C-alpha atoms as a PDB file:
ATOM      1  CA  UNK A   1       0.000   0.000   0.000  1.00  0.00           C
ATOM      2  CA  UNK A   2       1.145   3.549  -0.706  1.00  0.00           C
ATOM      3  CA  UNK A   3      -1.052   6.619  -0.162  1.00  0.00           C
ATOM      4  CA  UNK A   4      -3.645   4.554   1.693  1.00  0.00           C
ATOM      5  CA  UNK A   5      -1.256   4.587   4.648  1.00  0.00           C
ATOM      6  CA  UNK A   6      -2.040   8.281   5.102  1.00  0.00           C
ATOM      7  CA  UNK A   7      -5.695   7.579   5.873  1.00  0.00           C
ATOM      8  CA  UNK A   8      -5.045   6.712   9.544  1.00  0.00           C
ATOM      9  CA  UNK A   9      -2.775   9.768   9.868  1.00  0.00           C
ATOM     10  CA  UNK A  10      -5.525  12.076   8.616  1.00  0.00           C
ATOM     11  CA  UNK A  11      -8.017  10.400  10.947  1.00  0.00           C
ATOM     12  CA  UNK A  12      -5.999  11.440  14.014  1.00  0.00           C
ATOM     13  CA  UNK A  13      -7.690  14.849  13.790  1.00  0.00           C
ATOM     14  CA  UNK A  14     -10.574  13.145  15.619  1.00  0.00           C
ATOM     15  CA  UNK A  15      -8.346  12.842  18.699  1.00  0.00           C
ATOM     16  CA  UNK A  16      -8.641  15.372  21.493  1.00  0.00           C
ATOM     17  CA  UNK A  17      -4.907  16.141  21.327  1.00  0.00           C
ATOM     18  CA  UNK A  18      -3.584  14.670  18.096  1.00  0.00           C
ATOM     19  CA  UNK A  19       0.059  14.649  17.063  1.00  0.00           C
ATOM     20  CA  UNK A  20       1.090  17.089  14.376  1.00  0.00           C
ATOM     21  CA  UNK A  21       0.065  15.989  10.912  1.00  0.00           C
ATOM     22  CA  UNK A  22       3.677  16.057   9.719  1.00  0.00           C
ATOM     23  CA  UNK A  23       4.632  13.660  12.523  1.00  0.00           C
ATOM     24  CA  UNK A  24       1.622  11.475  11.753  1.00  0.00           C
ATOM     25  CA  UNK A  25       2.577  11.357   8.064  1.00  0.00           C
ATOM     26  CA  UNK A  26       6.113  10.291   8.998  1.00  0.00           C
ATOM     27  CA  UNK A  27       4.784   7.709  11.462  1.00  0.00           C
ATOM     28  CA  UNK A  28       2.605   5.856   8.965  1.00  0.00           C
ATOM     29  CA  UNK A  29       5.631   5.480   6.661  1.00  0.00           C
ATOM     30  CA  UNK A  30       8.238   5.005   9.403  1.00  0.00           C
ATOM     31  CA  UNK A  31       8.608   1.317   8.551  1.00  0.00           C
ATOM     32  CA  UNK A  32       9.241   2.211   4.913  1.00  0.00           C
ATOM     33  CA  UNK A  33      11.698   4.956   5.864  1.00  0.00           C
ATOM     34  CA  UNK A  34      13.738   2.282   7.644  1.00  0.00           C
ATOM     35  CA  UNK A  35      13.182  -0.208   4.808  1.00  0.00           C
ATOM     36  CA  UNK A  36      14.458   2.260   2.204  1.00  0.00           C
ATOM     37  CA  UNK A  37      17.508   3.119   4.297  1.00  0.00           C
ATOM     38  CA  UNK A  38      18.369  -0.558   4.803  1.00  0.00           C
ATOM     39  CA  UNK A  39      17.863  -1.327   1.108  1.00  0.00           C
ATOM     40  CA  UNK A  40      20.192   1.525   0.137  1.00  0.00           C
ATOM     41  CA  UNK A  41      22.719   0.317   2.723  1.00  0.00           C
ATOM     42  CA  UNK A  42      22.576  -3.242   1.365  1.00  0.00           C
ATOM     43  CA  UNK A  43      21.340  -4.674   4.671  1.00  0.00           C
ATOM     44  CA  UNK A  44      17.961  -5.791   3.315  1.00  0.00           C
ATOM     45  CA  UNK A  45      17.261  -6.967  -0.198  1.00  0.00           C
ATOM     46  CA  UNK A  46      14.609  -7.149  -2.881  1.00  0.00           C
ATOM     47  CA  UNK A  47      14.326  -6.930  -6.637  1.00  0.00           C
ATOM     48  CA  UNK A  48      12.174  -5.367  -9.299  1.00  0.00           C
ATOM     49  CA  UNK A  49      10.251  -7.835 -11.465  1.00  0.00           C
ATOM     50  CA  UNK A  50       7.835  -5.975 -13.768  1.00  0.00           C
ATOM     51  CA  UNK A  51       4.236  -7.113 -13.267  1.00  0.00           C
ATOM     52  CA  UNK A  52       5.174  -9.843 -10.783  1.00  0.00           C
ATOM     53  CA  UNK A  53       1.801  -8.990  -9.249  1.00  0.00           C
ATOM     54  CA  UNK A  54      -1.030  -7.165 -10.974  1.00  0.00           C
ATOM     55  CA  UNK A  55      -0.370  -3.978  -8.977  1.00  0.00           C
ATOM     56  CA  UNK A  56       3.235  -4.395  -7.855  1.00  0.00           C
ATOM     57  CA  UNK A  57       6.655  -4.775  -9.457  1.00  0.00           C
ATOM     58  CA  UNK A  58       8.465  -5.633  -6.233  1.00  0.00           C
ATOM     59  CA  UNK A  59       9.747  -8.937  -4.884  1.00  0.00           C
ATOM     60  CA  UNK A  60      10.482  -8.178  -1.233  1.00  0.00           C
ATOM     61  CA  UNK A  61      12.162 -11.357  -0.104  1.00  0.00           C
ATOM     62  CA  UNK A  62      14.456 -10.016   2.641  1.00  0.00           C
ATOM     63  CA  UNK A  63      13.184  -7.332   5.042  1.00  0.00           C
ATOM     64  CA  UNK A  64      13.307  -8.869   8.535  1.00  0.00           C
ATOM     65  CA  UNK A  65      14.148  -5.704  10.458  1.00  0.00           C
ATOM     66  CA  UNK A  66      11.288  -3.415   9.480  1.00  0.00           C
ATOM     67  CA  UNK A  67       8.447  -5.456   7.964  1.00  0.00           C
ATOM     68  CA  UNK A  68       8.441  -8.469  10.263  1.00  0.00           C
ATOM     69  CA  UNK A  69       5.849  -8.445  13.035  1.00  0.00           C
ATOM     70  CA  UNK A  70       8.507  -8.101  15.783  1.00  0.00           C
ATOM     71  CA  UNK A  71      10.248  -5.402  13.751  1.00  0.00           C
ATOM     72  CA  UNK A  72       6.994  -3.493  13.366  1.00  0.00           C
ATOM     73  CA  UNK A  73       6.367  -3.636  17.118  1.00  0.00           C
ATOM     74  CA  UNK A  74       9.886  -2.424  17.909  1.00  0.00           C
ATOM     75  CA  UNK A  75       9.669   0.407  15.378  1.00  0.00           C
ATOM     76  CA  UNK A  76       6.283   1.394  16.808  1.00  0.00           C
ATOM     77  CA  UNK A  77       7.808   1.738  20.269  1.00  0.00           C
ATOM     78  CA  UNK A  78      10.812   3.621  18.895  1.00  0.00           C
ATOM     79  CA  UNK A  79       8.543   5.987  16.994  1.00  0.00           C
ATOM     80  CA  UNK A  80       6.543   6.756  20.135  1.00  0.00           C
ATOM     81  CA  UNK A  81       9.681   7.386  22.186  1.00  0.00           C
ATOM     82  CA  UNK A  82      11.197   9.657  19.536  1.00  0.00           C
ATOM     83  CA  UNK A  83       8.007  11.683  19.309  1.00  0.00           C
ATOM     84  CA  UNK A  84       7.690  11.947  23.091  1.00  0.00           C
ATOM     85  CA  UNK A  85      11.321  13.070  23.341  1.00  0.00           C
ATOM     86  CA  UNK A  86      10.996  15.706  20.614  1.00  0.00           C
ATOM     87  CA  UNK A  87       7.615  17.053  21.746  1.00  0.00           C
ATOM     88  CA  UNK A  88       7.208  16.719  25.502  1.00  0.00           C
ATOM     89  CA  UNK A  89       4.194  19.049  25.511  1.00  0.00           C
ATOM     90  CA  UNK A  90       2.109  16.581  23.523  1.00  0.00           C
ATOM     91  CA  UNK A  91       1.720  13.987  26.280  1.00  0.00           C
ATOM     92  CA  UNK A  92       1.744  10.219  26.151  1.00  0.00           C
ATOM     93  CA  UNK A  93      -1.615   9.967  24.385  1.00  0.00           C
ATOM     94  CA  UNK A  94      -0.110  11.505  21.266  1.00  0.00           C
ATOM     95  CA  UNK A  95       2.980   9.312  21.575  1.00  0.00           C
ATOM     96  CA  UNK A  96       0.800   6.201  21.804  1.00  0.00           C
ATOM     97  CA  UNK A  97      -1.099   7.433  18.746  1.00  0.00           C
ATOM     98  CA  UNK A  98       2.224   7.637  16.905  1.00  0.00           C
ATOM     99  CA  UNK A  99       2.959   4.021  17.878  1.00  0.00           C
ATOM    100  CA  UNK A 100      -0.463   2.959  16.589  1.00  0.00           C
ATOM    101  CA  UNK A 101       0.118   4.826  13.331  1.00  0.00           C
ATOM    102  CA  UNK A 102       3.468   3.110  12.841  1.00  0.00           C
ATOM    103  CA  UNK A 103       1.897  -0.294  13.412  1.00  0.00           C
ATOM    104  CA  UNK A 104      -1.017   0.501  11.097  1.00  0.00           C
ATOM    105  CA  UNK A 105       1.512   0.299   8.268  1.00  0.00           C
ATOM    106  CA  UNK A 106       2.104  -3.397   8.968  1.00  0.00           C
ATOM    107  CA  UNK A 107      -1.624  -4.110   9.213  1.00  0.00           C
ATOM    108  CA  UNK A 108      -2.379  -2.461   5.869  1.00  0.00           C
ATOM    109  CA  UNK A 109       0.652  -4.076   4.229  1.00  0.00           C
ATOM    110  CA  UNK A 110      -0.624  -7.454   5.408  1.00  0.00           C
ATOM    111  CA  UNK A 111      -3.684  -6.934   3.219  1.00  0.00           C
ATOM    112  CA  UNK A 112      -1.868  -6.171  -0.027  1.00  0.00           C
ATOM    113  CA  UNK A 113       1.565  -7.792   0.167  1.00  0.00           C
ATOM    114  CA  UNK A 114       2.437 -11.216  -1.117  1.00  0.00           C
ATOM    115  CA  UNK A 115       3.444 -13.510   1.773  1.00  0.00           C
ATOM    116  CA  UNK A 116       6.670 -11.641   2.562  1.00  0.00           C
ATOM    117  CA  UNK A 117       5.980 -10.342   6.091  1.00  0.00           C
ATOM    118  CA  UNK A 118       7.715 -12.433   8.744  1.00  0.00           C
ATOM    119  CA  UNK A 119       5.641 -13.341  11.786  1.00  0.00           C
ATOM    120  CA  UNK A 120       8.770 -14.125  13.795  1.00  0.00           C
ATOM    121  CA  UNK A 121      12.508 -14.509  13.063  1.00  0.00           C
ATOM    122  CA  UNK A 122      13.130 -17.275  10.515  1.00  0.00           C
ATOM    123  CA  UNK A 123       9.425 -18.110  10.731  1.00  0.00           C
ATOM    124  CA  UNK A 124       6.531 -18.148   8.317  1.00  0.00           C
ATOM    125  CA  UNK A 125       5.736 -15.213   6.067  1.00  0.00           C
ATOM    126  CA  UNK A 126       2.235 -13.824   5.669  1.00  0.00           C
ATOM    127  CA  UNK A 127       0.343 -11.480   3.365  1.00  0.00           C
ATOM    128  CA  UNK A 128      -3.077 -11.699   1.723  1.00  0.00           C
ATOM    129  CA  UNK A 129      -1.763 -10.705  -1.699  1.00  0.00           C
ATOM    130  CA  UNK A 130      -4.418  -8.139  -2.629  1.00  0.00           C
ATOM    131  CA  UNK A 131      -1.877  -6.545  -4.985  1.00  0.00           C
ATOM    132  CA  UNK A 132      -2.746  -9.373  -7.361  1.00  0.00           C
ATOM    133  CA  UNK A 133      -6.319  -8.076  -7.601  1.00  0.00           C
ATOM    134  CA  UNK A 134      -6.640  -4.538  -9.016  1.00  0.00           C
ATOM    135  CA  UNK A 135     -10.114  -4.193  -7.506  1.00  0.00           C
ATOM    136  CA  UNK A 136      -8.975  -5.176  -4.005  1.00  0.00           C
ATOM    137  CA  UNK A 137      -5.685  -3.283  -4.198  1.00  0.00           C
ATOM    138  CA  UNK A 138      -7.088   0.019  -5.442  1.00  0.00           C
ATOM    139  CA  UNK A 139     -10.359  -0.362  -3.554  1.00  0.00           C
ATOM    140  CA  UNK A 140      -8.632  -0.835  -0.201  1.00  0.00           C
ATOM    141  CA  UNK A 141      -6.115   1.937  -0.882  1.00  0.00           C
ATOM    142  CA  UNK A 142      -8.748   4.487  -1.854  1.00  0.00           C
ATOM    143  CA  UNK A 143     -11.196   3.307   0.803  1.00  0.00           C
ATOM    144  CA  UNK A 144      -8.780   3.891   3.676  1.00  0.00           C
ATOM    145  CA  UNK A 145      -7.660   7.215   2.220  1.00  0.00           C
ATOM    146  CA  UNK A 146     -11.205   8.512   1.639  1.00  0.00           C
ATOM    147  CA  UNK A 147     -12.263   7.650   5.195  1.00  0.00           C
ATOM    148  CA  UNK A 148      -9.204   9.454   6.531  1.00  0.00           C
ATOM    149  CA  UNK A 149      -9.895  12.543   4.437  1.00  0.00           C
ATOM    150  CA  UNK A 150     -13.560  12.554   5.464  1.00  0.00           C
ATOM    151  CA  UNK A 151     -12.603  12.576   9.147  1.00  0.00           C
ATOM    152  CA  UNK A 152      -9.947  15.222   8.516  1.00  0.00           C
ATOM    153  CA  UNK A 153     -12.360  17.582   6.747  1.00  0.00           C
ATOM    154  CA  UNK A 154     -15.028  16.978   9.398  1.00  0.00           C
ATOM    155  CA  UNK A 155     -12.717  17.769  12.306  1.00  0.00           C
ATOM    156  CA  UNK A 156     -10.776  20.727  10.870  1.00  0.00           C
ATOM    157  CA  UNK A 157     -11.604  24.187   9.548  1.00  0.00           C
ATOM    158  CA  UNK A 158      -9.576  26.539   7.330  1.00  0.00           C
ATOM    159  CA  UNK A 159      -7.412  29.228   8.905  1.00  0.00           C
ATOM    160  CA  UNK A 160      -7.306  31.169   5.622  1.00  0.00           C
ATOM    161  CA  UNK A 161      -8.220  30.901   1.958  1.00  0.00           C
ATOM    162  CA  UNK A 162      -5.438  28.397   1.312  1.00  0.00           C
ATOM    163  CA  UNK A 163      -7.003  26.166   3.940  1.00  0.00           C
ATOM    164  CA  UNK A 164     -10.177  25.888   1.878  1.00  0.00           C
ATOM    165  CA  UNK A 165      -8.411  24.251  -1.053  1.00  0.00           C
ATOM    166  CA  UNK A 166      -5.663  22.464   0.896  1.00  0.00           C
ATOM    167  CA  UNK A 167      -7.514  19.132   1.324  1.00  0.00           C
ATOM    168  CA  UNK A 168      -8.306  19.025  -2.388  1.00  0.00           C
ATOM    169  CA  UNK A 169      -4.726  19.879  -3.350  1.00  0.00           C
ATOM    170  CA  UNK A 170      -3.418  17.193  -1.012  1.00  0.00           C
ATOM    171  CA  UNK A 171      -5.872  14.622  -2.347  1.00  0.00           C
ATOM    172  CA  UNK A 172      -4.921  15.475  -5.940  1.00  0.00           C
ATOM    173  CA  UNK A 173      -1.205  15.105  -5.189  1.00  0.00           C
ATOM    174  CA  UNK A 174      -1.768  11.759  -3.472  1.00  0.00           C
ATOM    175  CA  UNK A 175      -3.961  10.420  -6.262  1.00  0.00           C
ATOM    176  CA  UNK A 176      -1.434  11.584  -8.853  1.00  0.00           C
ATOM    177  CA  UNK A 177       1.360   9.829  -6.976  1.00  0.00           C
ATOM    178  CA  UNK A 178      -0.740   6.667  -6.750  1.00  0.00           C
ATOM    179  CA  UNK A 179      -1.509   6.772 -10.485  1.00  0.00           C
ATOM    180  CA  UNK A 180       2.178   7.161 -11.339  1.00  0.00           C
ATOM    181  CA  UNK A 181       3.126   4.364  -8.956  1.00  0.00           C
ATOM    182  CA  UNK A 182       0.621   1.940 -10.470  1.00  0.00           C
ATOM    183  CA  UNK A 183       0.579   3.029 -14.125  1.00  0.00           C
ATOM    184  CA  UNK A 184       4.049   4.472 -14.659  1.00  0.00           C
ATOM    185  CA  UNK A 185       7.164   2.544 -15.709  1.00  0.00           C
ATOM    186  CA  UNK A 186       8.717   0.267 -13.084  1.00  0.00           C
ATOM    187  CA  UNK A 187      11.891   1.494 -11.401  1.00  0.00           C
ATOM    188  CA  UNK A 188      15.148   0.172 -12.879  1.00  0.00           C
ATOM    189  CA  UNK A 189      16.184  -1.542  -9.649  1.00  0.00           C
ATOM    190  CA  UNK A 190      15.264  -1.891  -5.995  1.00  0.00           C
ATOM    191  CA  UNK A 191      17.647   0.848  -4.815  1.00  0.00           C
ATOM    192  CA  UNK A 192      16.056   3.311  -7.223  1.00  0.00           C
ATOM    193  CA  UNK A 193      12.672   2.344  -5.784  1.00  0.00           C
ATOM    194  CA  UNK A 194      13.969   2.935  -2.252  1.00  0.00           C
ATOM    195  CA  UNK A 195      15.388   6.345  -3.153  1.00  0.00           C
ATOM    196  CA  UNK A 196      12.148   7.438  -4.844  1.00  0.00           C
ATOM    197  CA  UNK A 197      10.185   6.215  -1.836  1.00  0.00           C
ATOM    198  CA  UNK A 198      12.270   8.314   0.557  1.00  0.00           C
ATOM    199  CA  UNK A 199      11.795  11.420  -1.578  1.00  0.00           C
ATOM    200  CA  UNK A 200       8.039  10.921  -1.757  1.00  0.00           C
ATOM    201  CA  UNK A 201       7.700  10.319   1.995  1.00  0.00           C
ATOM    202  CA  UNK A 202       9.620  13.495   2.816  1.00  0.00           C
ATOM    203  CA  UNK A 203       7.480  15.438   0.337  1.00  0.00           C
ATOM    204  CA  UNK A 204       4.276  14.106   1.893  1.00  0.00           C
ATOM    205  CA  UNK A 205       5.520  14.992   5.383  1.00  0.00           C
ATOM    206  CA  UNK A 206       6.079  18.555   4.147  1.00  0.00           C
ATOM    207  CA  UNK A 207       2.546  18.500   2.753  1.00  0.00           C
ATOM    208  CA  UNK A 208       1.266  17.429   6.167  1.00  0.00           C
ATOM    209  CA  UNK A 209       3.076  20.347   7.785  1.00  0.00           C
ATOM    210  CA  UNK A 210       1.486  22.703   5.260  1.00  0.00           C
ATOM    211  CA  UNK A 211      -1.967  21.358   6.094  1.00  0.00           C
ATOM    212  CA  UNK A 212      -1.344  22.099   9.763  1.00  0.00           C
ATOM    213  CA  UNK A 213      -0.464  25.708   8.914  1.00  0.00           C
ATOM    214  CA  UNK A 214      -3.595  26.403   6.845  1.00  0.00           C
ATOM    215  CA  UNK A 215      -6.214  24.384   8.751  1.00  0.00           C
ATOM    216  CA  UNK A 216      -6.895  23.896  12.439  1.00  0.00           C
ATOM    217  CA  UNK A 217      -8.683  21.325  14.539  1.00  0.00           C
ATOM    218  CA  UNK A 218     -12.127  22.166  15.887  1.00  0.00           C
ATOM    219  CA  UNK A 219     -13.223  21.149  19.407  1.00  0.00           C
ATOM    220  CA  UNK A 220     -15.596  18.160  19.656  1.00  0.00           C
ATOM    221  CA  UNK A 221     -18.571  20.381  20.494  1.00  0.00           C
ATOM    222  CA  UNK A 222     -18.106  22.326  17.273  1.00  0.00           C
ATOM    223  CA  UNK A 223     -17.417  19.371  14.989  1.00  0.00           C
ATOM    224  CA  UNK A 224     -21.072  18.927  14.073  1.00  0.00           C
ATOM    225  CA  UNK A 225     -21.201  22.411  12.573  1.00  0.00           C
ATOM    226  CA  UNK A 226     -18.091  22.049  10.441  1.00  0.00           C
ATOM    227  CA  UNK A 227     -19.950  20.683   7.443  1.00  0.00           C
ATOM    228  CA  UNK A 228     -22.135  23.794   7.411  1.00  0.00           C
ATOM    229  CA  UNK A 229     -19.077  26.027   7.159  1.00  0.00           C
ATOM    230  CA  UNK A 230     -17.736  24.297   4.064  1.00  0.00           C
ATOM    231  CA  UNK A 231     -14.114  23.554   3.394  1.00  0.00           C
END
């Protein structure tokens, strides 16, 4: 999964004291940040095989440190501790939310990946393989993203004119990135894929920061009236 991972991050606006959207955007891709770094360092391995699955060109046969179940749990805890250390004003509720966002990546990957996610060291690998079904792959990706955006729009209001179009701009960028990822040419090799992934994740984190500057969260008592105000 790609942009669908951002659905849970957007949905954190329903929290009483959510983490910053930039931090939430980093959290949902934290496992892939580590994956890309380890691929570039030659610690983990994979290869590009065009159309190996209907919606994926990647054979991810060696990623025990970040996409195994134990690895996901460890990275979730690390993500929470880093966030708590960097933003002590946010409280533990936000840090726990960061941990949940990190782990949501593994849960969503379980749906779409081929069986390449280790349950335990040197153990069995799992994955439902929805990438082999365009309907399931795109349907799940868009479904999670749309729900996240719906919650985000419901629980935030614009600070200025830019805030009125910001959700639509963000959605357009994400859908464009998804279209290129699924319909564009495959990357030449796995390290190129990792490098492009890192660039896109940093860009999306910057987009999350921008959203926080042009829109603000509304209190629960006012959430019902948000729809009447428009975007």
